[in-house]
Amino acid sequence: MIKVKRKKSESFESLYRRFGRRVQQSGNMLQARKIRFHTGEPSKNKKLTSAVRRLTVTAKREYLMRIGQLVERRRRGRR
């Protein structure tokens, strides 16, 4: 926890700036971002189930295209 006490006749802006510098120097924000956006490795079972699902969906798509029930639409590219 970072504590900053206001000095005599110090404006709020300078106090806020000093607090921001302290936070940057401590590295707490960097650590918090690392924890927030960290995605762990998926388990072996999860990998297998997603792979099987991908295979079944692509096989079903190919089958529907072969028999003529699925018309493939062109996807628009992003600019």
C-alpha atoms as a PDB file:
ATOM      1  CA  MET A   1       0.000   0.000   0.000  1.00  0.00           C
ATOM      2  CA  ILE A   2       1.406   3.348  -1.031  1.00  0.00           C
ATOM      3  CA  LYS A   3       0.838   6.293   1.271  1.00  0.00           C
ATOM      4  CA  VAL A   4       1.564   9.898   0.384  1.00  0.00           C
ATOM      5  CA  LYS A   5       1.011  12.702   2.864  1.00  0.00           C
ATOM      6  CA  ARG A   6       0.240  16.195   1.718  1.00  0.00           C
ATOM      7  CA  LYS A   7       2.998  18.708   2.371  1.00  0.00           C
ATOM      8  CA  LYS A   8       2.300  22.187   3.694  1.00  0.00           C
ATOM      9  CA  SER A   9       0.847  24.464   0.998  1.00  0.00           C
ATOM     10  CA  GLU A  10       1.002  21.700  -1.628  1.00  0.00           C
ATOM     11  CA  SER A  11      -1.657  21.738  -4.312  1.00  0.00           C
ATOM     12  CA  PHE A  12      -3.810  18.712  -5.014  1.00  0.00           C
ATOM     13  CA  GLU A  13      -2.362  18.396  -8.529  1.00  0.00           C
ATOM     14  CA  SER A  14       1.212  18.124  -7.300  1.00  0.00           C
ATOM     15  CA  LEU A  15       0.152  15.662  -4.601  1.00  0.00           C
ATOM     16  CA  TYR A  16      -1.618  13.584  -7.233  1.00  0.00           C
ATOM     17  CA  ARG A  17       1.448  13.735  -9.524  1.00  0.00           C
ATOM     18  CA  ARG A  18       3.709  12.613  -6.678  1.00  0.00           C
ATOM     19  CA  PHE A  19       1.363   9.739  -5.871  1.00  0.00           C
ATOM     20  CA  GLY A  20       1.348   8.657  -9.520  1.00  0.00           C
ATOM     21  CA  ARG A  21       5.136   8.650  -9.613  1.00  0.00           C
ATOM     22  CA  ARG A  22       5.281   6.540  -6.460  1.00  0.00           C
ATOM     23  CA  VAL A  23       2.868   4.024  -7.965  1.00  0.00           C
ATOM     24  CA  GLN A  24       4.945   3.822 -11.162  1.00  0.00           C
ATOM     25  CA  GLN A  25       8.186   3.336  -9.218  1.00  0.00           C
ATOM     26  CA  SER A  26       6.764   0.639  -6.974  1.00  0.00           C
ATOM     27  CA  GLY A  27       5.800  -1.580  -9.940  1.00  0.00           C
ATOM     28  CA  ASN A  28       2.434  -2.486  -8.424  1.00  0.00           C
ATOM     29  CA  MET A  29       0.499  -1.497 -11.552  1.00  0.00           C
ATOM     30  CA  LEU A  30       2.773  -3.559 -13.776  1.00  0.00           C
ATOM     31  CA  GLN A  31       2.306  -6.586 -11.536  1.00  0.00           C
ATOM     32  CA  ALA A  32      -1.470  -6.086 -11.462  1.00  0.00           C
ATOM     33  CA  ARG A  33      -1.627  -5.956 -15.272  1.00  0.00           C
ATOM     34  CA  LYS A  34       0.432  -9.137 -15.536  1.00  0.00           C
ATOM     35  CA  ILE A  35      -1.967 -10.925 -13.218  1.00  0.00           C
ATOM     36  CA  ARG A  36      -5.090  -9.478 -14.869  1.00  0.00           C
ATOM     37  CA  PHE A  37      -4.254 -10.458 -18.446  1.00  0.00           C
ATOM     38  CA  HIS A  38      -2.496 -13.750 -17.738  1.00  0.00           C
ATOM     39  CA  THR A  39      -4.083 -16.770 -19.361  1.00  0.00           C
ATOM     40  CA  GLY A  40      -2.974 -20.107 -18.073  1.00  0.00           C
ATOM     41  CA  GLU A  41      -2.189 -23.147 -20.174  1.00  0.00           C
ATOM     42  CA  PRO A  42      -5.317 -25.160 -20.997  1.00  0.00           C
ATOM     43  CA  SER A  43      -5.456 -28.649 -19.583  1.00  0.00           C
ATOM     44  CA  LYS A  44      -4.817 -31.698 -21.736  1.00  0.00           C
ATOM     45  CA  ASN A  45      -8.497 -32.668 -21.608  1.00  0.00           C
ATOM     46  CA  LYS A  46      -9.600 -29.204 -22.727  1.00  0.00           C
ATOM     47  CA  LYS A  47      -7.159 -29.259 -25.652  1.00  0.00           C
ATOM     48  CA  LEU A  48      -8.439 -32.653 -26.770  1.00  0.00           C
ATOM     49  CA  THR A  49     -12.107 -31.689 -26.571  1.00  0.00           C
ATOM     50  CA  SER A  50     -11.545 -28.498 -28.584  1.00  0.00           C
ATOM     51  CA  ALA A  51      -9.556 -30.408 -31.213  1.00  0.00           C
ATOM     52  CA  VAL A  52     -12.298 -33.035 -31.557  1.00  0.00           C
ATOM     53  CA  ARG A  53     -14.937 -30.334 -31.818  1.00  0.00           C
ATOM     54  CA  ARG A  54     -12.967 -28.550 -34.540  1.00  0.00           C
ATOM     55  CA  LEU A  55     -12.638 -31.771 -36.519  1.00  0.00           C
ATOM     56  CA  THR A  56     -16.342 -32.588 -36.293  1.00  0.00           C
ATOM     57  CA  VAL A  57     -17.438 -29.084 -37.267  1.00  0.00           C
ATOM     58  CA  THR A  58     -15.131 -28.980 -40.305  1.00  0.00           C
ATOM     59  CA  ALA A  59     -16.206 -32.464 -41.377  1.00  0.00           C
ATOM     60  CA  LYS A  60     -19.871 -31.477 -41.109  1.00  0.00           C
ATOM     61  CA  ARG A  61     -19.249 -28.284 -43.119  1.00  0.00           C
ATOM     62  CA  GLU A  62     -17.437 -30.173 -45.851  1.00  0.00           C
ATOM     63  CA  TYR A  63     -20.224 -32.749 -46.034  1.00  0.00           C
ATOM     64  CA  LEU A  64     -22.935 -30.091 -46.312  1.00  0.00           C
ATOM     65  CA  MET A  65     -20.958 -28.282 -49.028  1.00  0.00           C
ATOM     66  CA  ARG A  66     -20.482 -31.553 -50.932  1.00  0.00           C
ATOM     67  CA  ILE A  67     -24.197 -32.352 -50.982  1.00  0.00           C
ATOM     68  CA  GLY A  68     -25.062 -28.767 -51.892  1.00  0.00           C
ATOM     69  CA  GLN A  69     -26.952 -27.680 -48.779  1.00  0.00           C
ATOM     70  CA  LEU A  70     -24.364 -25.147 -47.665  1.00  0.00           C
ATOM     71  CA  VAL A  71     -23.336 -22.278 -49.868  1.00  0.00           C
ATOM     72  CA  GLU A  72     -20.097 -20.768 -48.697  1.00  0.00           C
ATOM     73  CA  ARG A  73     -20.333 -17.008 -48.312  1.00  0.00           C
ATOM     74  CA  ARG A  74     -17.331 -14.808 -48.891  1.00  0.00           C
ATOM     75  CA  ARG A  75     -16.230 -13.068 -45.746  1.00  0.00           C
ATOM     76  CA  ARG A  76     -15.573  -9.367 -45.890  1.00  0.00           C
ATOM     77  CA  GLY A  77     -12.059  -8.342 -45.016  1.00  0.00           C
ATOM     78  CA  ARG A  78     -11.434  -5.798 -42.313  1.00  0.00           C
ATOM     79  CA  ARG A  79      -9.793  -2.559 -43.250  1.00  0.00           C
END
